[in-house]
């Protein structure tokens, strides 16, 4: 994956998975709710806003999003921003136990 990649985790398990991804891809930006803020994770971007607002902002400025929460929630969150396969970012969904990975949008040109 090249370009700007953002990982969004909204649970403690998701944050653990995001940290494992960050170990392999240190250039990515990881976002998690501030309610889980931990001083031992200085590279984490803790967010206060609603997840929907964060997704709206990240969808517009990244080549790829990795969402560590349910596919149904991801579909509802990205639906208002879909334009076409040539401009939309890649969107990958990982379940909260890291058993399954689904390509929700492939980002033909961007991701």
PDB file of N, CA and C in Angstrom:
ATOM      1  N   UNK A   1       0.849  -1.166   0.000  1.00  0.00           N
ATOM      2  CA  UNK A   1       0.000   0.000   0.000  1.00  0.00           C
ATOM      3  C   UNK A   1       0.899   1.235   0.000  1.00  0.00           C
ATOM      4  N   UNK A   2       0.626   2.171  -0.867  1.00  0.00           N
ATOM      5  CA  UNK A   2       1.446   3.371  -0.934  1.00  0.00           C
ATOM      6  C   UNK A   2       0.606   4.591  -0.610  1.00  0.00           C
ATOM      7  N   UNK A   3       1.255   5.733  -0.473  1.00  0.00           N
ATOM      8  CA  UNK A   3       0.525   6.968  -0.210  1.00  0.00           C
ATOM      9  C   UNK A   3       0.123   7.083   1.237  1.00  0.00           C
ATOM     10  N   UNK A   4      -0.872   7.912   1.485  1.00  0.00           N
ATOM     11  CA  UNK A   4      -1.351   8.154   2.838  1.00  0.00           C
ATOM     12  C   UNK A   4      -2.338   7.073   3.243  1.00  0.00           C
ATOM     13  N   UNK A   5      -2.040   6.413   4.343  1.00  0.00           N
ATOM     14  CA  UNK A   5      -2.921   5.372   4.866  1.00  0.00           C
ATOM     15  C   UNK A   5      -3.282   5.706   6.297  1.00  0.00           C
ATOM     16  N   UNK A   6      -4.582   5.633   6.595  1.00  0.00           N
ATOM     17  CA  UNK A   6      -5.068   5.862   7.952  1.00  0.00           C
ATOM     18  C   UNK A   6      -5.726   4.589   8.456  1.00  0.00           C
ATOM     19  N   UNK A   7      -5.447   4.261   9.705  1.00  0.00           N
ATOM     20  CA  UNK A   7      -6.075   3.119  10.363  1.00  0.00           C
ATOM     21  C   UNK A   7      -6.990   3.675  11.439  1.00  0.00           C
ATOM     22  N   UNK A   8      -8.229   3.179  11.473  1.00  0.00           N
ATOM     23  CA  UNK A   8      -9.189   3.617  12.482  1.00  0.00           C
ATOM     24  C   UNK A   8      -9.579   2.402  13.313  1.00  0.00           C
ATOM     25  N   UNK A   9      -9.349   2.490  14.613  1.00  0.00           N
ATOM     26  CA  UNK A   9      -9.729   1.426  15.540  1.00  0.00           C
ATOM     27  C   UNK A   9     -10.654   2.041  16.581  1.00  0.00           C
ATOM     28  N   UNK A  10     -11.755   1.369  16.907  1.00  0.00           N
ATOM     29  CA  UNK A  10     -12.702   1.975  17.848  1.00  0.00           C
ATOM     30  C   UNK A  10     -12.916   1.142  19.112  1.00  0.00           C
ATOM     31  N   UNK A  11     -12.159   0.048  19.255  1.00  0.00           N
ATOM     32  CA  UNK A  11     -12.231  -0.778  20.462  1.00  0.00           C
ATOM     33  C   UNK A  11     -10.813  -1.062  20.953  1.00  0.00           C
ATOM     34  N   UNK A  12     -10.717  -1.560  22.177  1.00  0.00           N
ATOM     35  CA  UNK A  12      -9.388  -1.918  22.711  1.00  0.00           C
ATOM     36  C   UNK A  12      -8.731  -3.014  21.866  1.00  0.00           C
ATOM     37  N   UNK A  13      -9.495  -4.027  21.482  1.00  0.00           N
ATOM     38  CA  UNK A  13      -8.935  -5.074  20.616  1.00  0.00           C
ATOM     39  C   UNK A  13      -8.475  -4.472  19.299  1.00  0.00           C
ATOM     40  N   UNK A  14      -9.281  -3.574  18.761  1.00  0.00           N
ATOM     41  CA  UNK A  14      -8.918  -2.917  17.510  1.00  0.00           C
ATOM     42  C   UNK A  14      -7.631  -2.119  17.637  1.00  0.00           C
ATOM     43  N   UNK A  15      -7.458  -1.456  18.765  1.00  0.00           N
ATOM     44  CA  UNK A  15      -6.233  -0.680  19.001  1.00  0.00           C
ATOM     45  C   UNK A  15      -5.019  -1.611  19.048  1.00  0.00           C
ATOM     46  N   UNK A  16      -5.166  -2.770  19.671  1.00  0.00           N
ATOM     47  CA  UNK A  16      -4.067  -3.746  19.697  1.00  0.00           C
ATOM     48  C   UNK A  16      -3.699  -4.184  18.279  1.00  0.00           C
ATOM     49  N   UNK A  17      -4.711  -4.436  17.458  1.00  0.00           N
ATOM     50  CA  UNK A  17      -4.472  -4.827  16.065  1.00  0.00           C
ATOM     51  C   UNK A  17      -3.800  -3.683  15.312  1.00  0.00           C
ATOM     52  N   UNK A  18      -4.292  -2.464  15.524  1.00  0.00           N
ATOM     53  CA  UNK A  18      -3.708  -1.288  14.863  1.00  0.00           C
ATOM     54  C   UNK A  18      -2.241  -1.118  15.242  1.00  0.00           C
ATOM     55  N   UNK A  19      -1.911  -1.365  16.493  1.00  0.00           N
ATOM     56  CA  UNK A  19      -0.510  -1.272  16.922  1.00  0.00           C
ATOM     57  C   UNK A  19       0.357  -2.300  16.216  1.00  0.00           C
ATOM     58  N   UNK A  20      -0.177  -3.493  15.994  1.00  0.00           N
ATOM     59  CA  UNK A  20       0.582  -4.518  15.260  1.00  0.00           C
ATOM     60  C   UNK A  20       0.796  -4.090  13.812  1.00  0.00           C
ATOM     61  N   UNK A  21      -0.212  -3.469  13.225  1.00  0.00           N
ATOM     62  CA  UNK A  21      -0.070  -2.964  11.851  1.00  0.00           C
ATOM     63  C   UNK A  21       0.979  -1.858  11.817  1.00  0.00           C
ATOM     64  N   UNK A  22       0.935  -0.967  12.809  1.00  0.00           N
ATOM     65  CA  UNK A  22       1.877   0.154  12.860  1.00  0.00           C
ATOM     66  C   UNK A  22       3.321  -0.336  13.011  1.00  0.00           C
ATOM     67  N   UNK A  23       3.523  -1.458  13.687  1.00  0.00           N
ATOM     68  CA  UNK A  23       4.874  -2.020  13.804  1.00  0.00           C
ATOM     69  C   UNK A  23       5.429  -2.401  12.434  1.00  0.00           C
ATOM     70  N   UNK A  24       4.563  -2.884  11.557  1.00  0.00           N
ATOM     71  CA  UNK A  24       4.983  -3.303  10.212  1.00  0.00           C
ATOM     72  C   UNK A  24       4.992  -2.151   9.214  1.00  0.00           C
ATOM     73  N   UNK A  25       4.165  -1.143   9.470  1.00  0.00           N
ATOM     74  CA  UNK A  25       4.030   0.003   8.560  1.00  0.00           C
ATOM     75  C   UNK A  25       4.106   1.295   9.379  1.00  0.00           C
ATOM     76  N   UNK A  26       5.288   1.682   9.842  1.00  0.00           N
ATOM     77  CA  UNK A  26       5.400   2.831  10.742  1.00  0.00           C
ATOM     78  C   UNK A  26       4.966   4.161  10.131  1.00  0.00           C
ATOM     79  N   UNK A  27       4.828   4.225   8.817  1.00  0.00           N
ATOM     80  CA  UNK A  27       4.442   5.481   8.170  1.00  0.00           C
ATOM     81  C   UNK A  27       2.940   5.763   8.247  1.00  0.00           C
ATOM     82  N   UNK A  28       2.139   4.790   8.663  1.00  0.00           N
ATOM     83  CA  UNK A  28       0.693   5.003   8.713  1.00  0.00           C
ATOM     84  C   UNK A  28       0.302   5.858   9.909  1.00  0.00           C
ATOM     85  N   UNK A  29      -0.882   6.425   9.831  1.00  0.00           N
ATOM     86  CA  UNK A  29      -1.462   7.179  10.935  1.00  0.00           C
ATOM     87  C   UNK A  29      -2.577   6.339  11.540  1.00  0.00           C
ATOM     88  N   UNK A  30      -2.554   6.160  12.853  1.00  0.00           N
ATOM     89  CA  UNK A  30      -3.574   5.363  13.531  1.00  0.00           C
ATOM     90  C   UNK A  30      -4.424   6.277  14.402  1.00  0.00           C
ATOM     91  N   UNK A  31      -5.740   6.083  14.326  1.00  0.00           N
ATOM     92  CA  UNK A  31      -6.707   6.900  15.058  1.00  0.00           C
ATOM     93  C   UNK A  31      -7.546   6.005  15.955  1.00  0.00           C
ATOM     94  N   UNK A  32      -7.753   6.457  17.204  1.00  0.00           N
ATOM     95  CA  UNK A  32      -8.564   5.710  18.162  1.00  0.00           C
ATOM     96  C   UNK A  32      -9.272   6.706  19.081  1.00  0.00           C
ATOM     97  N   UNK A  33     -10.415   6.311  19.653  1.00  0.00           N
ATOM     98  CA  UNK A  33     -11.161   7.215  20.537  1.00  0.00           C
ATOM     99  C   UNK A  33     -10.347   7.611  21.768  1.00  0.00           C
ATOM    100  N   UNK A  34     -10.472   8.859  22.132  1.00  0.00           N
ATOM    101  CA  UNK A  34      -9.701   9.386  23.266  1.00  0.00           C
ATOM    102  C   UNK A  34     -10.044   8.671  24.573  1.00  0.00           C
ATOM    103  N   UNK A  35     -11.213   8.067  24.658  1.00  0.00           N
ATOM    104  CA  UNK A  35     -11.569   7.360  25.899  1.00  0.00           C
ATOM    105  C   UNK A  35     -10.613   6.201  26.193  1.00  0.00           C
ATOM    106  N   UNK A  36      -9.861   5.759  25.181  1.00  0.00           N
ATOM    107  CA  UNK A  36      -8.876   4.694  25.370  1.00  0.00           C
ATOM    108  C   UNK A  36      -7.446   5.236  25.450  1.00  0.00           C
ATOM    109  N   UNK A  37      -7.292   6.540  25.587  1.00  0.00           N
ATOM    110  CA  UNK A  37      -5.964   7.168  25.562  1.00  0.00           C
ATOM    111  C   UNK A  37      -5.027   6.516  26.575  1.00  0.00           C
ATOM    112  N   UNK A  38      -3.811   6.285  26.125  1.00  0.00           N
ATOM    113  CA  UNK A  38      -2.797   5.606  26.920  1.00  0.00           C
ATOM    114  C   UNK A  38      -1.457   6.277  26.628  1.00  0.00           C
ATOM    115  N   UNK A  39      -0.785   6.729  27.664  1.00  0.00           N
ATOM    116  CA  UNK A  39       0.495   7.421  27.512  1.00  0.00           C
ATOM    117  C   UNK A  39       1.560   6.530  26.871  1.00  0.00           C
ATOM    118  N   UNK A  40       1.385   5.222  26.948  1.00  0.00           N
ATOM    119  CA  UNK A  40       2.391   4.317  26.385  1.00  0.00           C
ATOM    120  C   UNK A  40       2.276   4.204  24.862  1.00  0.00           C
ATOM    121  N   UNK A  41       1.297   4.900  24.276  1.00  0.00           N
ATOM    122  CA  UNK A  41       1.119   4.870  22.819  1.00  0.00           C
ATOM    123  C   UNK A  41       1.251   6.284  22.254  1.00  0.00           C
ATOM    124  N   UNK A  42       2.462   6.830  22.244  1.00  0.00           N
ATOM    125  CA  UNK A  42       2.641   8.222  21.825  1.00  0.00           C
ATOM    126  C   UNK A  42       2.364   8.474  20.345  1.00  0.00           C
ATOM    127  N   UNK A  43       2.411   7.452  19.510  1.00  0.00           N
ATOM    128  CA  UNK A  43       2.184   7.648  18.079  1.00  0.00           C
ATOM    129  C   UNK A  43       0.718   7.553  17.680  1.00  0.00           C
ATOM    130  N   UNK A  44      -0.153   7.332  18.645  1.00  0.00           N
ATOM    131  CA  UNK A  44      -1.581   7.205  18.374  1.00  0.00           C
ATOM    132  C   UNK A  44      -2.205   8.592  18.244  1.00  0.00           C
ATOM    133  N   UNK A  45      -3.110   8.743  17.299  1.00  0.00           N
ATOM    134  CA  UNK A  45      -3.896   9.970  17.160  1.00  0.00           C
ATOM    135  C   UNK A  45      -5.228   9.730  17.863  1.00  0.00           C
ATOM    136  N   UNK A  46      -5.390  10.313  19.038  1.00  0.00           N
ATOM    137  CA  UNK A  46      -6.611  10.118  19.815  1.00  0.00           C
ATOM    138  C   UNK A  46      -7.651  11.122  19.331  1.00  0.00           C
ATOM    139  N   UNK A  47      -8.856  10.648  19.013  1.00  0.00           N
ATOM    140  CA  UNK A  47      -9.875  11.568  18.511  1.00  0.00           C
ATOM    141  C   UNK A  47     -11.040  11.702  19.477  1.00  0.00           C
ATOM    142  N   UNK A  48     -11.614  12.924  19.506  1.00  0.00           N
ATOM    143  CA  UNK A  48     -12.749  13.242  20.375  1.00  0.00           C
ATOM    144  C   UNK A  48     -14.065  13.244  19.613  1.00  0.00           C
ATOM    145  N   UNK A  49     -14.003  13.576  18.314  1.00  0.00           N
ATOM    146  CA  UNK A  49     -15.228  13.715  17.533  1.00  0.00           C
ATOM    147  C   UNK A  49     -15.898  12.362  17.298  1.00  0.00           C
ATOM    148  N   UNK A  50     -17.093  12.410  16.760  1.00  0.00           N
ATOM    149  CA  UNK A  50     -17.801  11.192  16.385  1.00  0.00           C
ATOM    150  C   UNK A  50     -16.993  10.451  15.318  1.00  0.00           C
ATOM    151  N   UNK A  51     -17.071   9.141  15.324  1.00  0.00           N
ATOM    152  CA  UNK A  51     -16.365   8.342  14.320  1.00  0.00           C
ATOM    153  C   UNK A  51     -16.790   8.757  12.918  1.00  0.00           C
ATOM    154  N   UNK A  52     -18.060   9.093  12.733  1.00  0.00           N
ATOM    155  CA  UNK A  52     -18.551   9.502  11.410  1.00  0.00           C
ATOM    156  C   UNK A  52     -17.841  10.754  10.913  1.00  0.00           C
ATOM    157  N   UNK A  53     -17.580  11.691  11.798  1.00  0.00           N
ATOM    158  CA  UNK A  53     -16.875  12.918  11.412  1.00  0.00           C
ATOM    159  C   UNK A  53     -15.414  12.612  11.066  1.00  0.00           C
ATOM    160  N   UNK A  54     -14.782  11.757  11.853  1.00  0.00           N
ATOM    161  CA  UNK A  54     -13.397  11.371  11.572  1.00  0.00           C
ATOM    162  C   UNK A  54     -13.298  10.681  10.212  1.00  0.00           C
ATOM    163  N   UNK A  55     -14.196   9.732   9.956  1.00  0.00           N
ATOM    164  CA  UNK A  55     -14.179   9.013   8.677  1.00  0.00           C
ATOM    165  C   UNK A  55     -14.376   9.988   7.524  1.00  0.00           C
ATOM    166  N   UNK A  56     -15.284  10.935   7.674  1.00  0.00           N
ATOM    167  CA  UNK A  56     -15.515  11.934   6.618  1.00  0.00           C
ATOM    168  C   UNK A  56     -14.226  12.677   6.289  1.00  0.00           C
ATOM    169  N   UNK A  57     -13.504  13.103   7.301  1.00  0.00           N
ATOM    170  CA  UNK A  57     -12.253  13.842   7.087  1.00  0.00           C
ATOM    171  C   UNK A  57     -11.167  12.958   6.474  1.00  0.00           C
ATOM    172  N   UNK A  58     -11.009  11.753   6.994  1.00  0.00           N
ATOM    173  CA  UNK A  58      -9.946  10.867   6.517  1.00  0.00           C
ATOM    174  C   UNK A  58     -10.231  10.325   5.121  1.00  0.00           C
ATOM    175  N   UNK A  59     -11.498  10.106   4.791  1.00  0.00           N
ATOM    176  CA  UNK A  59     -11.869   9.581   3.472  1.00  0.00           C
ATOM    177  C   UNK A  59     -11.423  10.537   2.378  1.00  0.00           C
ATOM    178  N   UNK A  60     -11.519  11.818   2.648  1.00  0.00           N
ATOM    179  CA  UNK A  60     -11.203  12.840   1.643  1.00  0.00           C
ATOM    180  C   UNK A  60      -9.703  13.044   1.451  1.00  0.00           C
ATOM    181  N   UNK A  61      -8.892  12.731   2.454  1.00  0.00           N
ATOM    182  CA  UNK A  61      -7.476  13.090   2.347  1.00  0.00           C
ATOM    183  C   UNK A  61      -6.496  11.920   2.392  1.00  0.00           C
ATOM    184  N   UNK A  62      -6.998  10.693   2.300  1.00  0.00           N
ATOM    185  CA  UNK A  62      -6.114   9.527   2.324  1.00  0.00           C
ATOM    186  C   UNK A  62      -6.298   8.672   1.083  1.00  0.00           C
ATOM    187  N   UNK A  63      -5.239   7.940   0.742  1.00  0.00           N
ATOM    188  CA  UNK A  63      -5.302   7.000  -0.375  1.00  0.00           C
ATOM    189  C   UNK A  63      -5.904   5.668   0.060  1.00  0.00           C
ATOM    190  N   UNK A  64      -5.846   5.395   1.359  1.00  0.00           N
ATOM    191  CA  UNK A  64      -6.385   4.133   1.870  1.00  0.00           C
ATOM    192  C   UNK A  64      -6.808   4.297   3.325  1.00  0.00           C
ATOM    193  N   UNK A  65      -7.892   3.613   3.671  1.00  0.00           N
ATOM    194  CA  UNK A  65      -8.358   3.531   5.052  1.00  0.00           C
ATOM    195  C   UNK A  65      -8.392   2.064   5.448  1.00  0.00           C
ATOM    196  N   UNK A  66      -7.899   1.783   6.631  1.00  0.00           N
ATOM    197  CA  UNK A  66      -8.023   0.451   7.208  1.00  0.00           C
ATOM    198  C   UNK A  66      -8.907   0.623   8.431  1.00  0.00           C
ATOM    199  N   UNK A  67     -10.083   0.018   8.400  1.00  0.00           N
ATOM    200  CA  UNK A  67     -11.057   0.177   9.480  1.00  0.00           C
ATOM    201  C   UNK A  67     -11.138  -1.117  10.272  1.00  0.00           C
ATOM    202  N   UNK A  68     -10.900  -1.019  11.561  1.00  0.00           N
ATOM    203  CA  UNK A  68     -10.922  -2.208  12.407  1.00  0.00           C
ATOM    204  C   UNK A  68     -12.212  -2.182  13.216  1.00  0.00           C
ATOM    205  N   UNK A  69     -13.298  -2.433  12.517  1.00  0.00           N
ATOM    206  CA  UNK A  69     -14.631  -2.574  13.095  1.00  0.00           C
ATOM    207  C   UNK A  69     -15.541  -3.153  12.026  1.00  0.00           C
ATOM    208  N   UNK A  70     -16.810  -3.328  12.321  1.00  0.00           N
ATOM    209  CA  UNK A  70     -17.690  -4.102  11.443  1.00  0.00           C
ATOM    210  C   UNK A  70     -17.852  -3.508  10.046  1.00  0.00           C
ATOM    211  N   UNK A  71     -17.966  -4.405   9.075  1.00  0.00           N
ATOM    212  CA  UNK A  71     -18.168  -3.998   7.687  1.00  0.00           C
ATOM    213  C   UNK A  71     -19.440  -3.175   7.538  1.00  0.00           C
ATOM    214  N   UNK A  72     -20.505  -3.563   8.220  1.00  0.00           N
ATOM    215  CA  UNK A  72     -21.760  -2.812   8.140  1.00  0.00           C
ATOM    216  C   UNK A  72     -21.587  -1.366   8.564  1.00  0.00           C
ATOM    217  N   UNK A  73     -20.875  -1.149   9.658  1.00  0.00           N
ATOM    218  CA  UNK A  73     -20.624   0.217  10.123  1.00  0.00           C
ATOM    219  C   UNK A  73     -19.777   0.983   9.119  1.00  0.00           C
ATOM    220  N   UNK A  74     -18.776   0.337   8.560  1.00  0.00           N
ATOM    221  CA  UNK A  74     -17.914   0.993   7.569  1.00  0.00           C
ATOM    222  C   UNK A  74     -18.730   1.415   6.357  1.00  0.00           C
ATOM    223  N   UNK A  75     -19.582   0.522   5.860  1.00  0.00           N
ATOM    224  CA  UNK A  75     -20.407   0.842   4.690  1.00  0.00           C
ATOM    225  C   UNK A  75     -21.266   2.071   4.963  1.00  0.00           C
ATOM    226  N   UNK A  76     -21.901   2.108   6.113  1.00  0.00           N
ATOM    227  CA  UNK A  76     -22.752   3.256   6.452  1.00  0.00           C
ATOM    228  C   UNK A  76     -21.940   4.546   6.595  1.00  0.00           C
ATOM    229  N   UNK A  77     -20.736   4.440   7.125  1.00  0.00           N
ATOM    230  CA  UNK A  77     -19.909   5.630   7.336  1.00  0.00           C
ATOM    231  C   UNK A  77     -19.326   6.194   6.042  1.00  0.00           C
ATOM    232  N   UNK A  78     -18.974   5.336   5.094  1.00  0.00           N
ATOM    233  CA  UNK A  78     -18.353   5.830   3.859  1.00  0.00           C
ATOM    234  C   UNK A  78     -19.359   6.129   2.755  1.00  0.00           C
ATOM    235  N   UNK A  79     -20.567   5.579   2.843  1.00  0.00           N
ATOM    236  CA  UNK A  79     -21.560   5.713   1.765  1.00  0.00           C
ATOM    237  C   UNK A  79     -21.770   7.147   1.282  1.00  0.00           C
ATOM    238  N   UNK A  80     -21.886   8.136   2.167  1.00  0.00           N
ATOM    239  CA  UNK A  80     -22.145   9.500   1.685  1.00  0.00           C
ATOM    240  C   UNK A  80     -21.006  10.103   0.857  1.00  0.00           C
ATOM    241  N   UNK A  81     -19.827   9.505   0.913  1.00  0.00           N
ATOM    242  CA  UNK A  81     -18.650  10.106   0.277  1.00  0.00           C
ATOM    243  C   UNK A  81     -18.200   9.393  -0.994  1.00  0.00           C
ATOM    244  N   UNK A  82     -18.861   8.315  -1.348  1.00  0.00           N
ATOM    245  CA  UNK A  82     -18.463   7.548  -2.529  1.00  0.00           C
ATOM    246  C   UNK A  82     -18.708   8.353  -3.799  1.00  0.00           C
ATOM    247  N   UNK A  83     -17.690   8.418  -4.652  1.00  0.00           N
ATOM    248  CA  UNK A  83     -17.795   9.138  -5.922  1.00  0.00           C
ATOM    249  C   UNK A  83     -17.645   8.152  -7.068  1.00  0.00           C
ATOM    250  N   UNK A  84     -16.449   7.602  -7.247  1.00  0.00           N
ATOM    251  CA  UNK A  84     -16.225   6.572  -8.264  1.00  0.00           C
ATOM    252  C   UNK A  84     -14.929   5.834  -7.965  1.00  0.00           C
ATOM    253  N   UNK A  85     -14.756   4.714  -8.656  1.00  0.00           N
ATOM    254  CA  UNK A  85     -13.607   3.865  -8.353  1.00  0.00           C
ATOM    255  C   UNK A  85     -12.274   4.490  -8.723  1.00  0.00           C
ATOM    256  N   UNK A  86     -12.301   5.534  -9.517  1.00  0.00           N
ATOM    257  CA  UNK A  86     -11.050   6.184  -9.910  1.00  0.00           C
ATOM    258  C   UNK A  86     -10.561   7.197  -8.881  1.00  0.00           C
ATOM    259  N   UNK A  87     -11.450   7.674  -8.028  1.00  0.00           N
ATOM    260  CA  UNK A  87     -11.046   8.702  -7.068  1.00  0.00           C
ATOM    261  C   UNK A  87     -11.197   8.282  -5.604  1.00  0.00           C
ATOM    262  N   UNK A  88     -12.058   7.323  -5.324  1.00  0.00           N
ATOM    263  CA  UNK A  88     -12.256   6.896  -3.938  1.00  0.00           C
ATOM    264  C   UNK A  88     -11.013   6.178  -3.417  1.00  0.00           C
ATOM    265  N   UNK A  89     -10.725   6.327  -2.129  1.00  0.00           N
ATOM    266  CA  UNK A  89      -9.584   5.608  -1.553  1.00  0.00           C
ATOM    267  C   UNK A  89      -9.903   4.119  -1.400  1.00  0.00           C
ATOM    268  N   UNK A  90      -8.876   3.332  -1.260  1.00  0.00           N
ATOM    269  CA  UNK A  90      -9.076   1.925  -0.904  1.00  0.00           C
ATOM    270  C   UNK A  90      -9.606   1.889   0.525  1.00  0.00           C
ATOM    271  N   UNK A  91     -10.512   0.968   0.798  1.00  0.00           N
ATOM    272  CA  UNK A  91     -11.027   0.784   2.154  1.00  0.00           C
ATOM    273  C   UNK A  91     -10.950  -0.702   2.476  1.00  0.00           C
ATOM    274  N   UNK A  92     -10.202  -0.997   3.523  1.00  0.00           N
ATOM    275  CA  UNK A  92     -10.019  -2.375   3.979  1.00  0.00           C
ATOM    276  C   UNK A  92     -10.632  -2.485   5.364  1.00  0.00           C
ATOM    277  N   UNK A  93     -11.359  -3.562   5.593  1.00  0.00           N
ATOM    278  CA  UNK A  93     -12.015  -3.776   6.879  1.00  0.00           C
ATOM    279  C   UNK A  93     -11.413  -5.018   7.530  1.00  0.00           C
ATOM    280  N   UNK A  94     -11.040  -4.875   8.793  1.00  0.00           N
ATOM    281  CA  UNK A  94     -10.510  -5.993   9.578  1.00  0.00           C
ATOM    282  C   UNK A  94     -11.434  -6.187  10.769  1.00  0.00           C
ATOM    283  N   UNK A  95     -11.831  -7.431  11.027  1.00  0.00           N
ATOM    284  CA  UNK A  95     -12.701  -7.664  12.178  1.00  0.00           C
ATOM    285  C   UNK A  95     -11.918  -7.484  13.476  1.00  0.00           C
ATOM    286  N   UNK A  96     -12.647  -7.346  14.564  1.00  0.00           N
ATOM    287  CA  UNK A  96     -12.085  -7.008  15.873  1.00  0.00           C
ATOM    288  C   UNK A  96     -11.187  -8.099  16.464  1.00  0.00           C
ATOM    289  N   UNK A  97     -11.152  -9.251  15.850  1.00  0.00           N
ATOM    290  CA  UNK A  97     -10.269 -10.324  16.313  1.00  0.00           C
ATOM    291  C   UNK A  97      -9.159 -10.615  15.307  1.00  0.00           C
ATOM    292  N   UNK A  98      -9.120  -9.842  14.231  1.00  0.00           N
ATOM    293  CA  UNK A  98      -8.117  -9.990  13.166  1.00  0.00           C
ATOM    294  C   UNK A  98      -8.161 -11.371  12.511  1.00  0.00           C
ATOM    295  N   UNK A  99      -9.360 -11.930  12.409  1.00  0.00           N
ATOM    296  CA  UNK A  99      -9.521 -13.206  11.717  1.00  0.00           C
ATOM    297  C   UNK A  99      -9.833 -13.007  10.242  1.00  0.00           C
ATOM    298  N   UNK A 100     -10.503 -11.898   9.915  1.00  0.00           N
ATOM    299  CA  UNK A 100     -10.952 -11.664   8.546  1.00  0.00           C
ATOM    300  C   UNK A 100     -10.560 -10.275   8.072  1.00  0.00           C
ATOM    301  N   UNK A 101     -10.183 -10.190   6.806  1.00  0.00           N
ATOM    302  CA  UNK A 101      -9.860  -8.919   6.157  1.00  0.00           C
ATOM    303  C   UNK A 101     -10.684  -8.861   4.879  1.00  0.00           C
ATOM    304  N   UNK A 102     -11.398  -7.753   4.687  1.00  0.00           N
ATOM    305  CA  UNK A 102     -12.263  -7.597   3.522  1.00  0.00           C
ATOM    306  C   UNK A 102     -11.901  -6.308   2.803  1.00  0.00           C
ATOM    307  N   UNK A 103     -11.751  -6.390   1.503  1.00  0.00           N
ATOM    308  CA  UNK A 103     -11.554  -5.196   0.686  1.00  0.00           C
ATOM    309  C   UNK A 103     -12.934  -4.630   0.377  1.00  0.00           C
ATOM    310  N   UNK A 104     -13.309  -3.531   1.041  1.00  0.00           N
ATOM    311  CA  UNK A 104     -14.628  -2.927   0.833  1.00  0.00           C
ATOM    312  C   UNK A 104     -14.629  -2.037  -0.404  1.00  0.00           C
ATOM    313  N   UNK A 105     -13.550  -1.307  -0.624  1.00  0.00           N
ATOM    314  CA  UNK A 105     -13.327  -0.516  -1.844  1.00  0.00           C
ATOM    315  C   UNK A 105     -11.885  -0.762  -2.240  1.00  0.00           C
ATOM    316  N   UNK A 106     -11.650  -0.943  -3.506  1.00  0.00           N
ATOM    317  CA  UNK A 106     -10.289  -1.314  -3.890  1.00  0.00           C
ATOM    318  C   UNK A 106      -9.387  -0.143  -4.235  1.00  0.00           C
ATOM    319  N   UNK A 107      -9.916   1.058  -4.385  1.00  0.00           N
ATOM    320  CA  UNK A 107      -9.052   2.197  -4.657  1.00  0.00           C
ATOM    321  C   UNK A 107      -8.226   1.994  -5.909  1.00  0.00           C
ATOM    322  N   UNK A 108      -8.878   1.740  -7.024  1.00  0.00           N
ATOM    323  CA  UNK A 108      -8.203   1.389  -8.280  1.00  0.00           C
ATOM    324  C   UNK A 108      -7.009   2.284  -8.614  1.00  0.00           C
ATOM    325  N   UNK A 109      -7.164   3.569  -8.460  1.00  0.00           N
ATOM    326  CA  UNK A 109      -6.059   4.472  -8.775  1.00  0.00           C
ATOM    327  C   UNK A 109      -5.410   5.029  -7.520  1.00  0.00           C
ATOM    328  N   UNK A 110      -6.207   5.311  -6.510  1.00  0.00           N
ATOM    329  CA  UNK A 110      -5.679   5.968  -5.321  1.00  0.00           C
ATOM    330  C   UNK A 110      -4.974   5.039  -4.366  1.00  0.00           C
ATOM    331  N   UNK A 111      -5.503   3.854  -4.114  1.00  0.00           N
ATOM    332  CA  UNK A 111      -4.952   2.991  -3.090  1.00  0.00           C
ATOM    333  C   UNK A 111      -4.391   1.767  -3.650  1.00  0.00           C
TER     334      UNK A 111
END
